[in-house]
Amino acid sequence: MLVLATLILLEPLSVHAARGPAKRYIVVLKDSAGDPGAMATRDSGRYGAQVTHVYRLAFKGFAATIPSDRVAALRADPEVRFLSPDGEVQATDQTIGTGVSRINAADKVNKGTGVNVAVIDTGIDINHPDLAANIVGGTNCSTGGKKNYDDGNGHGTHVAGIIGAIDNGIGVVGVAPEARLWAVRVLNDSGSGTTSDVICGIDFVDSLSPAKGGPITVANMSLGGFGSDDGNCGNTNGDPMHLAICRAVGDGVTFVAAAGNNAWDLSQSLTFVPAAYDEVITVSALADSDGQPCGLGAATKYGADDDFALFSNYATSPADLNHMITAPGVDIYSTWKGGGYETHSGTSMASPHVAGTAALYVSAHPGASPASVRDALKPLGEPRNTNFNGECGGSTVKGGGKGKNQRPVPVSHTDASLEHPEVEARADSL
């Protein structure tokens, strides 16, 4: 997530907020509760809740500001499953694009035609000449009206261009240039928002999931924050974002999430979410300077060519490694707000390469489940420390005459840190 696309939650998702006259909460209702809108209206009068969002699909519930002296009573309400404090989220830029070439997604017959991809982010520049024709709809869960999902920040537009910039002879080309893009705005123009805003976006995506008769099959989340993974879809630790993602994944949407830019182990107890959730495809960042494999390009600010970016989070547990993959995330050139283009770095940039690759897979395999997409992309990927498909040449590279200064042929990508066994996404056979 770029640190410009990285949502950094300022408090753990399941830790109670500090006391005060009124705090924001996410209220998760029991499945047996009545209509969430009606329940929100009831609780507004009963508990003084000032409702900001109502959730109907990802789960039954609502977000509201609740007076501190009414929180305990609402938590004890027989219709309430649990309350979770509404954490602050924020996006910040890590640094000021070769990725499509590096994963071999350029000039393919398969262009992801008609696959619907949601970009859960800061919105998308709806008038950008490289994107406008591919944008089919969206919603705004942040500031402004519901239909104002234009991008005043730039990050979501950058992500969208990596996924699906049009092959139109100008600017850049995305991994899946004929995909249909949905702008799901959950962050404001400063790149800030709340957990409840993010859940509102997930709820919108779920409303258009295959199980609900909708078209959205892939969603990208180049954002995240501190939290934990209970391995139980948030039911054990009271994590409503995890609960919402699990419901949407169960309804047929493949979620792809940025791993995060802290060089942390995602397998520790306090971790980065949604990247740590087992239900998402989590994407770490590879440094690449020339759009080609084999490590022959110049070194980047964040590591050697075709090695893992120094900032990228990683995983150590088998469960977390099972849903992890890598993609280019350093010095990625893509679309930007105002019809422009910029270069940025972060796992926010790596994640949409994989979301686009997932769209290519779904295009070739209509009806593929999220688990089948994940399980297909990994064996198609490029393992570390291998000469993938012989693309790096023969057995040696000659550096001098008559056998002098010879060294082994380079590998497609390496891992000097020994922390990244995950494969790199490749679109060669899609």
Protein backbone atom coordinates (compact mmCIF):
# COMPACT_ATOMS: atom_id res chain seq x y z
CA MET A 1 0.00 0.00 0.00
CA LEU A 2 1.89 2.89 -0.53
CA VAL A 3 2.06 4.64 2.53
CA LEU A 4 -0.16 6.86 0.65
CA ALA A 5 -2.58 4.20 0.23
CA THR A 6 -1.97 2.55 3.40
CA LEU A 7 -4.70 3.13 5.79
CA ILE A 8 -3.05 3.32 9.15
CA LEU A 9 -5.55 2.61 11.88
CA LEU A 10 -4.66 4.69 14.89
CA GLU A 11 -6.07 2.15 17.35
CA PRO A 12 -6.56 -1.62 17.30
CA LEU A 13 -9.89 -2.65 15.87
CA SER A 14 -11.00 -4.51 18.97
CA VAL A 15 -9.76 -2.19 21.73
CA HIS A 16 -12.36 -0.06 23.50
CA ALA A 17 -12.09 3.66 22.80
CA ALA A 18 -11.19 6.07 25.55
CA ARG A 19 -13.99 7.46 27.70
CA GLY A 20 -15.57 10.74 26.75
CA PRO A 21 -18.90 12.44 26.28
CA ALA A 22 -19.52 10.58 23.01
CA LYS A 23 -17.51 8.18 20.89
CA ARG A 24 -17.98 6.53 17.51
CA TYR A 25 -18.85 2.82 17.52
CA ILE A 26 -19.71 0.12 15.04
CA VAL A 27 -22.74 -1.80 16.29
CA VAL A 28 -23.03 -5.39 15.01
CA LEU A 29 -26.55 -6.75 15.42
CA LYS A 30 -27.54 -10.37 15.79
CA ASP A 31 -28.65 -12.14 12.62
CA SER A 32 -32.08 -12.50 14.20
CA ALA A 33 -32.48 -8.74 14.60
CA GLY A 34 -34.93 -6.85 12.45
CA ASP A 35 -34.21 -4.47 9.59
CA PRO A 36 -30.93 -2.65 10.33
CA GLY A 37 -32.36 0.70 9.31
CA ALA A 38 -35.30 0.28 11.65
CA MET A 39 -33.01 -0.90 14.44
CA ALA A 40 -30.75 2.12 13.91
CA THR A 41 -33.76 4.44 14.15
CA ARG A 42 -34.94 2.66 17.30
CA ASP A 43 -31.54 2.86 18.95
CA SER A 44 -31.18 6.49 17.96
CA GLY A 45 -34.11 7.29 20.20
CA ARG A 46 -33.41 4.69 22.87
CA TYR A 47 -29.67 5.26 23.31
CA GLY A 48 -29.07 8.68 21.78
CA ALA A 49 -27.10 7.17 18.89
CA GLN A 50 -26.27 9.55 16.03
CA VAL A 51 -26.20 7.12 13.11
CA THR A 52 -23.71 7.64 10.24
CA HIS A 53 -23.87 4.34 8.31
CA VAL A 54 -26.31 1.41 8.13
CA TYR A 55 -25.00 -2.02 7.12
CA ARG A 56 -27.41 -4.49 5.53
CA LEU A 57 -25.38 -7.08 3.63
CA ALA A 58 -21.88 -7.61 4.96
CA PHE A 59 -23.63 -7.94 8.34
CA LYS A 60 -26.60 -6.37 10.09
CA GLY A 61 -25.59 -3.26 11.97
CA PHE A 62 -24.82 0.42 11.93
CA ALA A 63 -22.17 2.97 12.86
CA ALA A 64 -23.00 5.78 15.26
CA THR A 65 -21.71 8.30 17.76
CA ILE A 66 -22.99 7.14 21.15
CA PRO A 67 -22.97 8.99 24.50
CA SER A 68 -20.55 7.35 26.91
CA ASP A 69 -23.22 6.80 29.56
CA ARG A 70 -25.35 4.79 27.08
CA VAL A 71 -22.69 2.50 25.66
CA ALA A 72 -23.05 -0.20 28.34
CA ALA A 73 -26.82 -0.31 27.91
CA LEU A 74 -26.56 -0.61 24.14
CA ARG A 75 -23.95 -3.34 24.46
CA ALA A 76 -26.35 -5.26 26.73
CA ASP A 77 -29.29 -4.87 24.33
CA PRO A 78 -30.58 -8.37 23.42
CA GLU A 79 -30.55 -7.47 19.70
CA VAL A 80 -26.85 -6.50 19.76
CA ARG A 81 -24.09 -8.98 19.02
CA PHE A 82 -21.15 -6.71 19.88
CA LEU A 83 -19.83 -3.14 19.72
CA SER A 84 -16.47 -2.16 18.31
CA PRO A 85 -14.87 1.29 18.55
CA ASP A 86 -14.64 3.07 15.23
CA GLY A 87 -10.90 3.58 14.70
CA GLU A 88 -9.38 6.44 12.79
CA VAL A 89 -7.75 5.60 9.46
CA GLN A 90 -5.27 7.65 7.50
CA ALA A 91 -3.34 7.48 4.26
CA THR A 92 0.19 8.90 3.94
CA ASP A 93 2.63 8.85 1.03
CA GLN A 94 5.77 6.79 1.41
CA THR A 95 7.71 7.97 -1.60
CA ILE A 96 7.57 9.85 -4.73
CA GLY A 97 5.85 1.73 -14.15
CA THR A 98 7.35 -1.27 -15.04
CA GLY A 99 5.09 -3.60 -13.05
CA VAL A 100 2.79 -4.70 -15.87
CA SER A 101 5.80 -5.74 -17.94
CA ARG A 102 7.46 -7.47 -14.99
CA ILE A 103 4.51 -9.81 -14.41
CA ASN A 104 4.24 -10.39 -18.16
CA ALA A 105 0.76 -8.94 -18.48
CA ALA A 106 1.44 -6.64 -21.46
CA ASP A 107 -0.05 -7.19 -24.93
CA LYS A 108 -2.14 -10.18 -23.92
CA VAL A 109 -5.18 -11.51 -25.76
CA ASN A 110 -6.87 -11.84 -22.38
CA LYS A 111 -7.57 -8.27 -21.25
CA GLY A 112 -9.97 -9.04 -18.42
CA THR A 113 -12.90 -8.07 -20.60
CA GLY A 114 -16.05 -7.43 -18.59
CA VAL A 115 -14.66 -8.49 -15.20
CA ASN A 116 -15.90 -6.09 -12.52
CA VAL A 117 -13.26 -4.89 -10.05
CA ALA A 118 -13.98 -2.69 -7.04
CA VAL A 119 -11.30 -0.22 -5.94
CA ILE A 120 -11.86 0.42 -2.22
CA ASP A 121 -9.81 3.55 -1.77
CA THR A 122 -9.99 7.35 -2.22
CA GLY A 123 -12.24 7.14 -5.27
CA ILE A 124 -11.21 7.27 -8.93
CA ASP A 125 -10.76 10.28 -11.21
CA ILE A 126 -13.99 9.81 -13.17
CA ASN A 127 -12.81 12.01 -16.05
CA HIS A 128 -9.33 10.58 -16.49
CA PRO A 129 -8.80 9.79 -20.21
CA ASP A 130 -7.09 6.51 -19.33
CA LEU A 131 -9.89 5.36 -16.98
CA ALA A 132 -13.23 7.06 -17.64
CA ALA A 133 -14.53 4.57 -20.21
CA ASN A 134 -13.88 1.67 -17.83
CA ILE A 135 -15.61 3.20 -14.78
CA VAL A 136 -19.13 1.80 -14.50
CA GLY A 137 -20.23 3.02 -11.08
CA GLY A 138 -19.38 3.44 -7.45
CA THR A 139 -20.33 4.89 -4.11
CA ASN A 140 -19.02 7.37 -1.60
CA CYS A 141 -18.79 6.25 2.03
CA SER A 142 -16.61 9.22 2.94
CA THR A 143 -17.38 12.96 2.93
CA GLY A 144 -19.85 14.33 0.38
CA GLY A 145 -22.82 12.75 -1.35
CA LYS A 146 -23.16 9.04 -2.06
CA LYS A 147 -22.67 9.53 -5.79
CA ASN A 148 -19.57 11.70 -5.43
CA TYR A 149 -16.93 9.00 -5.81
CA ASP A 150 -14.46 11.17 -7.72
CA ASP A 151 -10.89 11.12 -6.35
CA GLY A 152 -9.62 14.25 -4.63
CA ASN A 153 -6.49 12.55 -3.31
CA GLY A 154 -4.96 10.61 -6.21
CA HIS A 155 -4.17 7.29 -4.55
CA GLY A 156 -7.27 5.44 -5.70
CA THR A 157 -6.72 6.68 -9.24
CA HIS A 158 -3.14 5.37 -9.16
CA VAL A 159 -4.37 1.96 -7.98
CA ALA A 160 -7.15 1.90 -10.58
CA GLY A 161 -4.69 2.61 -13.40
CA ILE A 162 -2.52 -0.34 -12.42
CA ILE A 163 -5.57 -2.59 -12.52
CA GLY A 164 -7.38 -1.32 -15.57
CA ALA A 165 -5.99 1.68 -17.42
CA ILE A 166 -7.26 1.54 -20.99
CA ASP A 167 -5.06 0.42 -23.90
CA ASN A 168 -5.77 3.57 -25.92
CA GLY A 169 -2.39 4.77 -27.12
CA ILE A 170 -1.91 7.34 -24.36
CA GLY A 171 -0.53 7.26 -20.83
CA VAL A 172 -0.30 3.78 -19.35
CA VAL A 173 -1.93 0.38 -19.77
CA GLY A 174 -3.31 -1.65 -16.87
CA VAL A 175 -2.95 -5.35 -16.18
CA ALA A 176 -6.58 -5.87 -17.24
CA PRO A 177 -7.28 -2.94 -19.60
CA GLU A 178 -10.83 -4.03 -20.40
CA ALA A 179 -11.96 -4.64 -16.83
CA ARG A 180 -14.92 -2.68 -15.47
CA LEU A 181 -13.97 -0.47 -12.53
CA TRP A 182 -16.08 0.46 -9.50
CA ALA A 183 -14.95 3.47 -7.48
CA VAL A 184 -15.64 2.75 -3.80
CA ARG A 185 -14.58 5.89 -1.94
CA VAL A 186 -13.87 5.24 1.74
CA LEU A 187 -11.18 7.90 2.29
CA ASN A 188 -11.51 11.65 1.95
CA ASP A 189 -9.35 14.06 -0.03
CA SER A 190 -6.68 13.95 2.67
CA GLY A 191 -6.62 10.16 2.54
CA SER A 192 -8.35 9.81 5.91
CA GLY A 193 -11.43 7.97 7.06
CA THR A 194 -12.77 5.55 9.62
CA THR A 195 -13.20 1.82 9.97
CA SER A 196 -16.94 2.35 9.60
CA ASP A 197 -16.35 4.06 6.23
CA VAL A 198 -14.32 1.06 5.05
CA ILE A 199 -17.05 -1.35 6.17
CA CYS A 200 -19.58 0.79 4.30
CA GLY A 201 -17.49 0.23 1.17
CA ILE A 202 -17.30 -3.52 1.77
CA ASP A 203 -21.06 -3.58 2.32
CA PHE A 204 -21.54 -1.86 -1.05
CA VAL A 205 -19.30 -4.40 -2.75
CA ASP A 206 -21.20 -7.26 -1.14
CA SER A 207 -24.48 -5.77 -2.40
CA LEU A 208 -23.11 -6.31 -5.93
CA SER A 209 -21.51 -9.70 -5.27
CA PRO A 210 -22.31 -12.81 -7.34
CA ALA A 211 -24.39 -14.28 -4.50
CA LYS A 212 -26.56 -11.15 -4.57
CA GLY A 213 -26.91 -11.33 -8.34
CA GLY A 214 -24.31 -8.60 -8.88
CA PRO A 215 -21.26 -8.36 -11.16
CA ILE A 216 -18.36 -7.54 -8.80
CA THR A 217 -15.95 -10.49 -8.51
CA VAL A 218 -12.67 -8.80 -7.46
CA ALA A 219 -11.99 -6.07 -4.89
CA ASN A 220 -8.70 -4.33 -4.14
CA MET A 221 -7.87 -2.86 -0.72
CA SER A 222 -4.61 -0.91 -0.78
CA LEU A 223 -5.15 0.13 2.81
CA GLY A 224 -4.94 -1.29 6.28
CA GLY A 225 -4.36 -0.73 9.94
CA PHE A 226 -3.30 -2.31 13.20
CA GLY A 227 -5.44 -5.19 14.40
CA SER A 228 -5.45 -8.93 14.88
CA ASP A 229 -6.63 -12.03 13.08
CA ASP A 230 -8.64 -14.38 15.27
CA GLY A 231 -8.86 -17.03 12.54
CA ASN A 232 -12.64 -16.89 13.00
CA CYS A 233 -13.79 -14.04 10.76
CA GLY A 234 -13.81 -11.58 13.64
CA ASN A 235 -16.38 -13.53 15.63
CA THR A 236 -13.97 -14.23 18.50
CA ASN A 237 -12.25 -10.83 18.82
CA GLY A 238 -15.16 -8.66 17.72
CA ASP A 239 -13.65 -7.35 14.48
CA PRO A 240 -16.46 -6.04 12.23
CA MET A 241 -14.19 -5.39 9.21
CA HIS A 242 -13.09 -9.03 9.25
CA LEU A 243 -16.70 -10.12 9.59
CA ALA A 244 -17.70 -7.99 6.59
CA ILE A 245 -14.86 -9.28 4.38
CA CYS A 246 -15.65 -12.89 5.24
CA ARG A 247 -19.28 -12.38 4.26
CA ALA A 248 -18.34 -10.76 0.95
CA VAL A 249 -15.75 -13.47 0.18
CA GLY A 250 -18.40 -16.08 0.95
CA ASP A 251 -20.62 -14.28 -1.54
CA GLY A 252 -18.04 -14.75 -4.29
CA VAL A 253 -15.78 -11.66 -4.23
CA THR A 254 -12.01 -12.20 -4.35
CA PHE A 255 -10.40 -9.63 -2.04
CA VAL A 256 -6.79 -8.57 -2.66
CA ALA A 257 -5.03 -6.54 0.05
CA ALA A 258 -1.72 -4.73 0.40
CA ALA A 259 0.63 -6.37 2.92
CA GLY A 260 1.75 -3.09 4.48
CA ASN A 261 4.97 -1.10 4.53
CA ASN A 262 6.40 -1.61 8.01
CA ALA A 263 8.75 -4.58 7.40
CA TRP A 264 6.68 -6.46 9.99
CA ASP A 265 5.76 -10.09 10.37
CA LEU A 266 2.04 -10.39 9.65
CA SER A 267 1.93 -13.61 11.67
CA GLN A 268 2.41 -11.89 15.03
CA SER A 269 -0.52 -11.30 17.36
CA LEU A 270 -0.72 -7.52 16.82
CA THR A 271 -0.55 -7.29 13.08
CA PHE A 272 -1.73 -5.45 9.98
CA VAL A 273 -5.26 -5.97 8.70
CA PRO A 274 -6.92 -6.82 6.38
CA ALA A 275 -3.60 -8.22 5.11
CA ALA A 276 -3.41 -10.78 7.93
CA TYR A 277 -6.90 -12.17 7.30
CA ASP A 278 -6.72 -15.64 5.80
CA GLU A 279 -9.65 -14.89 3.50
CA VAL A 280 -7.81 -12.29 1.39
CA ILE A 281 -4.95 -12.58 -1.09
CA THR A 282 -2.17 -10.58 0.56
CA VAL A 283 0.44 -8.89 -1.61
CA SER A 284 4.00 -7.96 -0.63
CA ALA A 285 6.20 -5.66 -2.72
CA LEU A 286 9.06 -6.55 -5.05
CA ALA A 287 11.63 -3.96 -6.14
CA ASP A 288 12.08 -3.83 -9.91
CA SER A 289 13.81 -1.13 -11.93
CA ASP A 290 13.64 -2.33 -15.52
CA GLY A 291 10.38 -4.22 -16.01
CA GLN A 292 12.34 -7.40 -16.64
CA PRO A 293 13.29 -10.43 -14.50
CA CYS A 294 16.77 -11.75 -13.68
CA GLY A 295 18.10 -8.91 -11.51
CA LEU A 296 20.09 -7.10 -14.19
CA GLY A 297 18.58 -3.63 -13.64
CA ALA A 298 19.87 -0.83 -11.47
CA ALA A 299 19.29 -0.91 -7.73
CA THR A 300 16.30 1.04 -6.41
CA LYS A 301 15.96 3.19 -3.30
CA TYR A 302 14.25 0.26 -1.61
CA GLY A 303 16.43 -2.64 -2.67
CA ALA A 304 18.21 -4.39 -5.50
CA ASP A 305 16.44 -5.06 -8.77
CA ASP A 306 14.24 -8.17 -8.50
CA ASP A 307 14.59 -8.46 -4.74
CA PHE A 308 11.95 -7.73 -2.13
CA ALA A 309 11.36 -4.10 -1.14
CA LEU A 310 12.93 -3.25 2.20
CA PHE A 311 9.68 -1.78 3.53
CA SER A 312 7.43 -4.74 2.69
CA ASN A 313 5.66 -6.69 5.40
CA TYR A 314 6.09 -10.47 5.31
CA ALA A 315 4.69 -13.60 6.94
CA THR A 316 6.13 -16.60 8.76
CA SER A 317 3.21 -18.88 9.64
CA PRO A 318 2.05 -21.49 7.10
CA ALA A 319 -1.51 -20.15 7.33
CA ASP A 320 -0.45 -16.63 6.38
CA LEU A 321 1.98 -17.74 3.70
CA ASN A 322 -0.84 -19.74 2.14
CA HIS A 323 -2.60 -16.55 1.02
CA MET A 324 0.46 -14.43 0.22
CA ILE A 325 1.98 -13.49 -3.13
CA THR A 326 4.25 -10.68 -4.31
CA ALA A 327 4.24 -8.17 -7.17
CA PRO A 328 6.15 -5.04 -8.22
CA GLY A 329 5.70 -2.18 -5.79
CA VAL A 330 8.61 0.22 -6.28
CA ASP A 331 8.63 3.24 -8.63
CA ILE A 332 5.33 2.34 -10.28
CA TYR A 333 4.10 4.85 -12.87
CA SER A 334 0.32 5.08 -13.14
CA THR A 335 -2.65 7.39 -13.47
CA TRP A 336 -3.24 10.24 -11.01
CA LYS A 337 -6.01 12.68 -10.19
CA GLY A 338 -6.62 15.61 -12.53
CA GLY A 339 -5.94 13.49 -15.60
CA GLY A 340 -2.27 13.16 -14.73
CA TYR A 341 0.32 10.47 -14.02
CA GLU A 342 2.73 9.94 -11.14
CA THR A 343 5.28 7.44 -9.81
CA HIS A 344 4.76 5.93 -6.35
CA SER A 345 6.04 3.05 -4.24
CA GLY A 346 4.47 0.75 -1.67
CA THR A 347 2.52 -2.44 -1.24
CA SER A 348 -0.45 -0.28 -2.28
CA MET A 349 1.06 -0.40 -5.76
CA ALA A 350 1.84 -4.14 -5.58
CA SER A 351 -1.69 -5.16 -4.60
CA PRO A 352 -3.47 -3.89 -7.76
CA HIS A 353 -1.05 -5.84 -9.96
CA VAL A 354 -2.45 -8.98 -8.33
CA ALA A 355 -6.04 -7.70 -8.42
CA GLY A 356 -5.60 -7.20 -12.16
CA THR A 357 -4.10 -10.67 -12.51
CA ALA A 358 -7.07 -12.07 -10.58
CA ALA A 359 -9.35 -10.31 -13.09
CA LEU A 360 -7.50 -12.02 -15.95
CA TYR A 361 -8.00 -15.37 -14.25
CA VAL A 362 -11.71 -14.74 -13.66
CA SER A 363 -12.07 -13.68 -17.29
CA ALA A 364 -10.61 -17.02 -18.40
CA HIS A 365 -12.49 -18.97 -15.70
CA PRO A 366 -15.93 -17.41 -15.18
CA GLY A 367 -17.52 -18.30 -11.87
CA ALA A 368 -14.19 -19.04 -10.16
CA SER A 369 -14.47 -18.84 -6.38
CA PRO A 370 -12.12 -16.65 -4.32
CA ALA A 371 -10.33 -19.74 -2.99
CA SER A 372 -9.87 -21.14 -6.49
CA VAL A 373 -8.48 -17.83 -7.73
CA ARG A 374 -5.92 -17.76 -4.92
CA ASP A 375 -5.02 -21.42 -5.38
CA ALA A 376 -4.58 -20.93 -9.14
CA LEU A 377 -2.42 -17.79 -9.05
CA LYS A 378 0.18 -19.27 -6.72
CA PRO A 379 1.29 -22.22 -8.91
CA LEU A 380 1.31 -19.90 -11.93
CA GLY A 381 3.71 -17.60 -10.09
CA GLU A 382 7.46 -17.16 -10.16
CA PRO A 383 9.25 -18.87 -7.22
CA ARG A 384 12.20 -17.12 -5.62
CA ASN A 385 15.75 -18.13 -6.53
CA THR A 386 14.73 -19.91 -9.74
CA ASN A 387 15.35 -19.25 -13.41
CA PHE A 388 11.64 -19.15 -14.22
CA ASN A 389 10.90 -20.87 -17.53
CA GLY A 390 14.59 -20.44 -18.43
CA GLU A 391 14.04 -16.71 -18.99
CA CYS A 392 17.45 -15.74 -17.60
CA GLY A 393 19.43 -17.69 -20.16
CA GLY A 394 21.81 -20.67 -19.96
CA SER A 395 23.91 -22.09 -17.14
CA THR A 396 26.46 -19.24 -16.84
CA VAL A 397 26.86 -15.59 -17.62
CA LYS A 398 30.32 -14.73 -18.96
CA GLY A 399 31.98 -11.70 -17.46
CA GLY A 400 35.34 -12.09 -19.21
CA GLY A 401 37.24 -14.09 -21.79
CA LYS A 402 37.94 -17.83 -21.84
CA GLY A 403 35.86 -18.73 -18.84
CA LYS A 404 37.23 -16.00 -16.59
CA ASN A 405 34.95 -14.13 -14.21
CA GLN A 406 32.07 -16.45 -14.88
CA ARG A 407 29.17 -16.52 -12.45
CA PRO A 408 25.93 -18.52 -12.24
CA VAL A 409 23.04 -17.41 -14.38
CA PRO A 410 20.85 -14.92 -12.50
CA VAL A 411 17.54 -16.04 -11.09
CA SER A 412 14.24 -14.36 -11.93
CA HIS A 413 14.02 -12.86 -8.45
CA THR A 414 15.79 -13.41 -5.19
CA ASP A 415 15.27 -12.81 -1.47
CA ALA A 416 18.31 -11.51 0.34
CA SER A 417 16.28 -11.07 3.54
CA LEU A 418 15.19 -14.75 3.60
CA GLU A 419 11.79 -13.50 4.77
CA HIS A 420 9.79 -13.86 1.55
CA PRO A 421 9.16 -17.38 0.26
CA GLU A 422 6.01 -16.24 -1.57
CA VAL A 423 5.92 -16.44 -5.36
CA GLU A 424 5.64 -13.42 -7.61
CA ALA A 425 2.44 -13.03 -9.60
CA ARG A 426 2.84 -13.86 -13.29
CA ALA A 427 0.29 -13.57 -16.07
CA ASP A 428 2.25 -15.60 -18.64
CA SER A 429 -0.38 -18.32 -19.05
CA LEU A 430 -3.52 -16.25 -18.47
